[in-house]
Amino acid sequence: MRCMRFTLSTSRWRACARRRGSRCPARSGCNGGAMSSRVTGPRRRAPIRLRPRFDLYDEPMARLADLEAYARQTSSALLALAAQILGTGEGIDAVAGPAGVARAFTTLLRAFPQHASRRQLYIPLDVLERHGVEPHDIFARRSPQNLRAAFAELADIARAHLRTANENIPALQQAVLPAFLPIALVRPLLDRLAGRDPFAPAEISPWRRQWLIWRAARNPARIAG
């Protein structure tokens, strides 16, 4: 019975809403015109952010600036969100922005062998062009010297962002520091990647990762230092 009453009342409400300017027969004081404007009027749609083709297809970024902007919208945004969950205060964005870019670039370089084996290329095309590397050379595992130069450029950018983050860490509140502990792995990974064959995997052992994070937790200067 409750279900039937609800259905009948809903039908009356809809009928009332269709009558513009007329009085509602179901309830006194109901302005059908006002309700109609709410129900049948144009709806506001939430803006939809389309994911870049970089995420959806095996297409590299065209420019280095595009990759950096993408890193800020993903890696940096996640760091900032984690820090805001733990606490508040100024300086979070000043650390999360460059730290996220450094982490994203380092992760990209570390995962390069796996991406290349899948014929996926996430290094910006303008960086490859500056060093004379063609995408088909990468998939054929050629041009290691020129590719090392491209890697070195991205690594230098990551280190520069890491220095910027390190300069701003002292301004953070103690409560938000744990959100940035994963950044303690960035510099050791960059050191391990330096001068290596780009197609050779470079990993940090699990016990060393835990030790680096533990050490950074005891001394925040080691998070990005």
Protein backbone atom coordinates (compact mmCIF):
# COMPACT_ATOMS: atom_id res chain seq x y z
CA MET A 1 0.00 0.00 0.00
CA ARG A 2 2.80 2.42 0.80
CA CYS A 3 4.32 1.70 -2.60
CA MET A 4 1.00 2.41 -4.34
CA ARG A 5 0.51 5.64 -2.40
CA PHE A 6 4.00 6.76 -3.27
CA THR A 7 3.36 6.01 -6.95
CA LEU A 8 0.06 7.94 -6.93
CA SER A 9 1.56 10.92 -5.11
CA THR A 10 4.48 10.95 -7.52
CA SER A 11 2.12 10.92 -10.49
CA ARG A 12 0.15 13.83 -9.04
CA TRP A 13 3.36 15.74 -8.39
CA ARG A 14 4.49 15.28 -12.00
CA ALA A 15 1.10 16.31 -13.30
CA CYS A 16 1.21 19.36 -11.09
CA ALA A 17 4.67 20.25 -12.34
CA ARG A 18 3.46 20.24 -15.95
CA ARG A 19 0.79 22.85 -15.24
CA ARG A 20 2.54 26.15 -15.57
CA GLY A 21 0.93 28.83 -13.46
CA SER A 22 -1.99 26.68 -12.26
CA ARG A 23 -2.76 25.67 -8.68
CA CYS A 24 -1.88 22.15 -7.65
CA PRO A 25 -4.98 20.01 -7.03
CA ALA A 26 -3.12 17.67 -4.70
CA ARG A 27 -1.84 20.23 -2.21
CA SER A 28 -2.98 23.74 -1.51
CA GLY A 29 -0.38 26.43 -1.89
CA CYS A 30 1.59 24.50 -4.51
CA ASN A 31 2.74 26.62 -7.44
CA GLY A 32 2.91 24.32 -10.43
CA GLY A 33 4.75 26.90 -12.49
CA ALA A 34 7.56 27.18 -9.98
CA MET A 35 7.86 23.42 -9.72
CA SER A 36 7.78 23.06 -13.45
CA SER A 37 10.70 25.40 -13.86
CA ARG A 38 12.67 23.26 -11.43
CA VAL A 39 11.81 19.93 -13.04
CA THR A 40 11.65 20.71 -16.71
CA GLY A 41 14.19 23.52 -16.82
CA PRO A 42 17.69 23.08 -18.19
CA ARG A 43 20.00 21.04 -16.00
CA ARG A 44 23.46 22.13 -15.14
CA ARG A 45 25.98 19.52 -16.03
CA ALA A 46 29.18 19.08 -14.16
CA PRO A 47 32.21 19.78 -16.32
CA ILE A 48 33.75 16.61 -17.75
CA ARG A 49 37.54 16.48 -17.90
CA LEU A 50 38.54 14.28 -20.75
CA ARG A 51 41.58 12.12 -20.19
CA PRO A 52 44.45 12.98 -22.52
CA ARG A 53 45.32 10.70 -25.41
CA PHE A 54 48.55 10.04 -23.53
CA ASP A 55 46.47 7.93 -21.14
CA LEU A 56 44.17 6.30 -23.66
CA TYR A 57 46.43 5.49 -26.59
CA ASP A 58 50.06 4.59 -27.20
CA GLU A 59 50.95 8.11 -28.27
CA PRO A 60 53.90 10.01 -26.79
CA MET A 61 53.69 13.56 -25.56
CA ALA A 62 54.53 16.05 -28.25
CA ARG A 63 56.33 18.50 -25.97
CA LEU A 64 58.22 18.41 -22.71
CA ALA A 65 55.93 21.12 -21.34
CA ASP A 66 52.92 18.84 -21.93
CA LEU A 67 54.52 16.05 -19.93
CA GLU A 68 55.36 18.38 -17.08
CA ALA A 69 51.80 19.74 -17.01
CA TYR A 70 50.48 16.17 -17.01
CA ALA A 71 52.76 15.29 -14.08
CA ARG A 72 51.45 18.24 -12.09
CA GLN A 73 47.85 17.22 -12.74
CA THR A 74 48.45 13.64 -11.63
CA SER A 75 51.48 12.94 -9.43
CA SER A 76 51.63 16.40 -7.86
CA ALA A 77 47.88 16.48 -7.28
CA LEU A 78 47.97 13.16 -5.42
CA LEU A 79 50.77 14.34 -3.16
CA ALA A 80 48.90 17.56 -2.39
CA LEU A 81 45.70 15.64 -1.66
CA ALA A 82 47.48 13.26 0.72
CA ALA A 83 49.07 16.20 2.53
CA GLN A 84 45.73 18.03 2.83
CA ILE A 85 44.18 14.93 4.38
CA LEU A 86 46.87 14.88 7.06
CA GLY A 87 46.81 18.59 7.82
CA THR A 88 46.63 22.11 6.54
CA GLY A 89 48.93 25.04 6.19
CA GLU A 90 50.76 26.97 3.57
CA GLY A 91 53.54 25.49 1.52
CA ILE A 92 51.89 22.21 0.49
CA ASP A 93 51.59 23.16 -3.18
CA ALA A 94 55.12 24.58 -3.20
CA VAL A 95 56.42 21.11 -2.30
CA ALA A 96 53.84 18.89 -4.00
CA GLY A 97 54.21 20.59 -7.38
CA PRO A 98 57.94 20.07 -8.02
CA ALA A 99 58.12 16.86 -5.98
CA GLY A 100 55.35 15.30 -8.05
CA VAL A 101 57.06 16.24 -11.31
CA ALA A 102 60.37 14.80 -10.12
CA ARG A 103 58.68 11.58 -9.07
CA ALA A 104 56.72 11.26 -12.32
CA PHE A 105 59.80 11.80 -14.51
CA THR A 106 61.81 9.30 -12.48
CA THR A 107 59.03 6.73 -12.66
CA LEU A 108 58.83 7.21 -16.41
CA LEU A 109 62.56 6.58 -16.82
CA ARG A 110 62.48 3.54 -14.52
CA ALA A 111 59.57 1.99 -16.43
CA PHE A 112 61.07 2.70 -19.86
CA PRO A 113 62.26 -0.89 -20.56
CA GLN A 114 58.81 -2.26 -19.83
CA HIS A 115 57.11 0.40 -21.93
CA ALA A 116 59.48 -0.15 -24.85
CA SER A 117 58.82 -3.89 -24.80
CA ARG A 118 55.13 -3.07 -25.24
CA ARG A 119 55.88 -0.54 -28.01
CA GLN A 120 54.75 2.26 -25.74
CA LEU A 121 56.67 5.53 -25.77
CA TYR A 122 56.11 8.15 -23.09
CA ILE A 123 59.19 10.31 -23.67
CA PRO A 124 58.26 13.65 -25.32
CA LEU A 125 58.97 13.81 -29.00
CA ASP A 126 60.77 17.15 -28.81
CA VAL A 127 63.27 15.64 -26.35
CA LEU A 128 63.92 12.73 -28.71
CA GLU A 129 64.34 15.08 -31.66
CA ARG A 130 66.90 17.20 -29.82
CA HIS A 131 69.05 14.11 -29.33
CA GLY A 132 68.48 12.51 -32.72
CA VAL A 133 66.39 9.57 -31.53
CA GLU A 134 63.60 8.15 -33.65
CA PRO A 135 60.72 6.17 -32.09
CA HIS A 136 61.36 3.19 -34.38
CA ASP A 137 64.97 3.11 -33.14
CA ILE A 138 63.68 2.69 -29.59
CA PHE A 139 61.40 -0.18 -30.52
CA ALA A 140 64.34 -1.79 -32.36
CA ARG A 141 66.53 -1.21 -29.27
CA ARG A 142 68.96 1.01 -31.16
CA SER A 143 70.63 4.41 -30.50
CA PRO A 144 71.63 3.76 -26.90
CA GLN A 145 74.08 6.69 -26.74
CA ASN A 146 71.61 9.28 -28.05
CA LEU A 147 68.92 7.77 -25.86
CA ARG A 148 71.17 8.12 -22.81
CA ALA A 149 71.45 11.83 -23.61
CA ALA A 150 67.65 12.13 -23.73
CA PHE A 151 67.44 10.29 -20.42
CA ALA A 152 70.04 12.62 -18.92
CA GLU A 153 67.97 15.65 -19.90
CA LEU A 154 64.86 14.31 -18.19
CA ALA A 155 66.89 13.25 -15.15
CA ASP A 156 68.41 16.74 -14.85
CA ILE A 157 64.92 18.26 -14.91
CA ALA A 158 63.79 15.82 -12.23
CA ARG A 159 66.76 16.72 -10.04
CA ALA A 160 66.06 20.44 -10.47
CA HIS A 161 62.46 19.96 -9.32
CA LEU A 162 63.69 17.84 -6.44
CA ARG A 163 65.96 20.67 -5.29
CA THR A 164 63.06 23.10 -5.43
CA ALA A 165 60.92 20.78 -3.30
CA ASN A 166 63.78 20.32 -0.83
CA GLU A 167 64.06 24.09 -0.37
CA ASN A 168 60.37 24.36 0.54
CA ILE A 169 60.06 21.33 2.85
CA PRO A 170 61.17 23.21 6.02
CA ALA A 171 58.07 25.41 5.74
CA LEU A 172 55.71 22.41 6.00
CA GLN A 173 53.89 21.44 9.15
CA GLN A 174 55.10 18.29 10.85
CA ALA A 175 51.71 16.62 10.39
CA VAL A 176 51.84 16.66 6.58
CA LEU A 177 55.39 15.34 6.17
CA PRO A 178 54.40 11.63 5.94
CA ALA A 179 52.58 12.37 2.68
CA PHE A 180 55.92 13.21 1.07
CA LEU A 181 57.94 10.24 2.34
CA PRO A 182 57.73 8.37 -1.03
CA ILE A 183 59.80 11.21 -2.52
CA ALA A 184 62.74 9.82 -0.56
CA LEU A 185 63.04 7.14 -3.27
CA VAL A 186 63.41 9.60 -6.16
CA ARG A 187 67.05 10.63 -5.76
CA PRO A 188 68.35 7.06 -5.19
CA LEU A 189 66.48 5.93 -8.29
CA LEU A 190 67.97 8.76 -10.34
CA ASP A 191 71.42 7.82 -9.09
CA ARG A 192 70.83 4.21 -10.09
CA LEU A 193 69.57 5.22 -13.54
CA ALA A 194 72.52 7.52 -14.26
CA GLY A 195 74.76 6.18 -17.02
CA ARG A 196 72.91 2.86 -17.31
CA ASP A 197 71.68 1.24 -20.47
CA PRO A 198 68.18 2.71 -20.92
CA PHE A 199 66.86 -0.77 -21.73
CA ALA A 200 68.27 -2.29 -18.54
CA PRO A 201 65.90 -2.40 -15.56
CA ALA A 202 66.85 -0.32 -12.54
CA GLU A 203 65.16 -1.14 -9.26
CA ILE A 204 65.74 -0.56 -5.58
CA SER A 205 65.42 -3.63 -3.40
CA PRO A 206 62.39 -3.74 -1.09
CA TRP A 207 64.45 -3.63 2.10
CA ARG A 208 66.36 -0.58 0.85
CA ARG A 209 63.13 1.20 -0.08
CA GLN A 210 61.83 0.67 3.43
CA TRP A 211 65.11 1.86 4.91
CA LEU A 212 65.13 5.03 2.79
CA ILE A 213 61.57 5.89 3.82
CA TRP A 214 62.33 5.12 7.49
CA ARG A 215 65.41 7.34 7.36
CA ALA A 216 63.41 10.19 5.78
CA ALA A 217 60.73 9.84 8.45
CA ARG A 218 63.37 10.38 11.14
CA ASN A 219 64.99 13.28 9.29
CA PRO A 220 62.71 15.28 6.92
CA ALA A 221 65.78 16.85 5.33
CA ARG A 222 66.31 13.49 3.60
CA ILE A 223 62.88 13.46 1.92
CA ALA A 224 64.11 15.33 -1.12
CA GLY A 225 67.67 16.02 -0.05
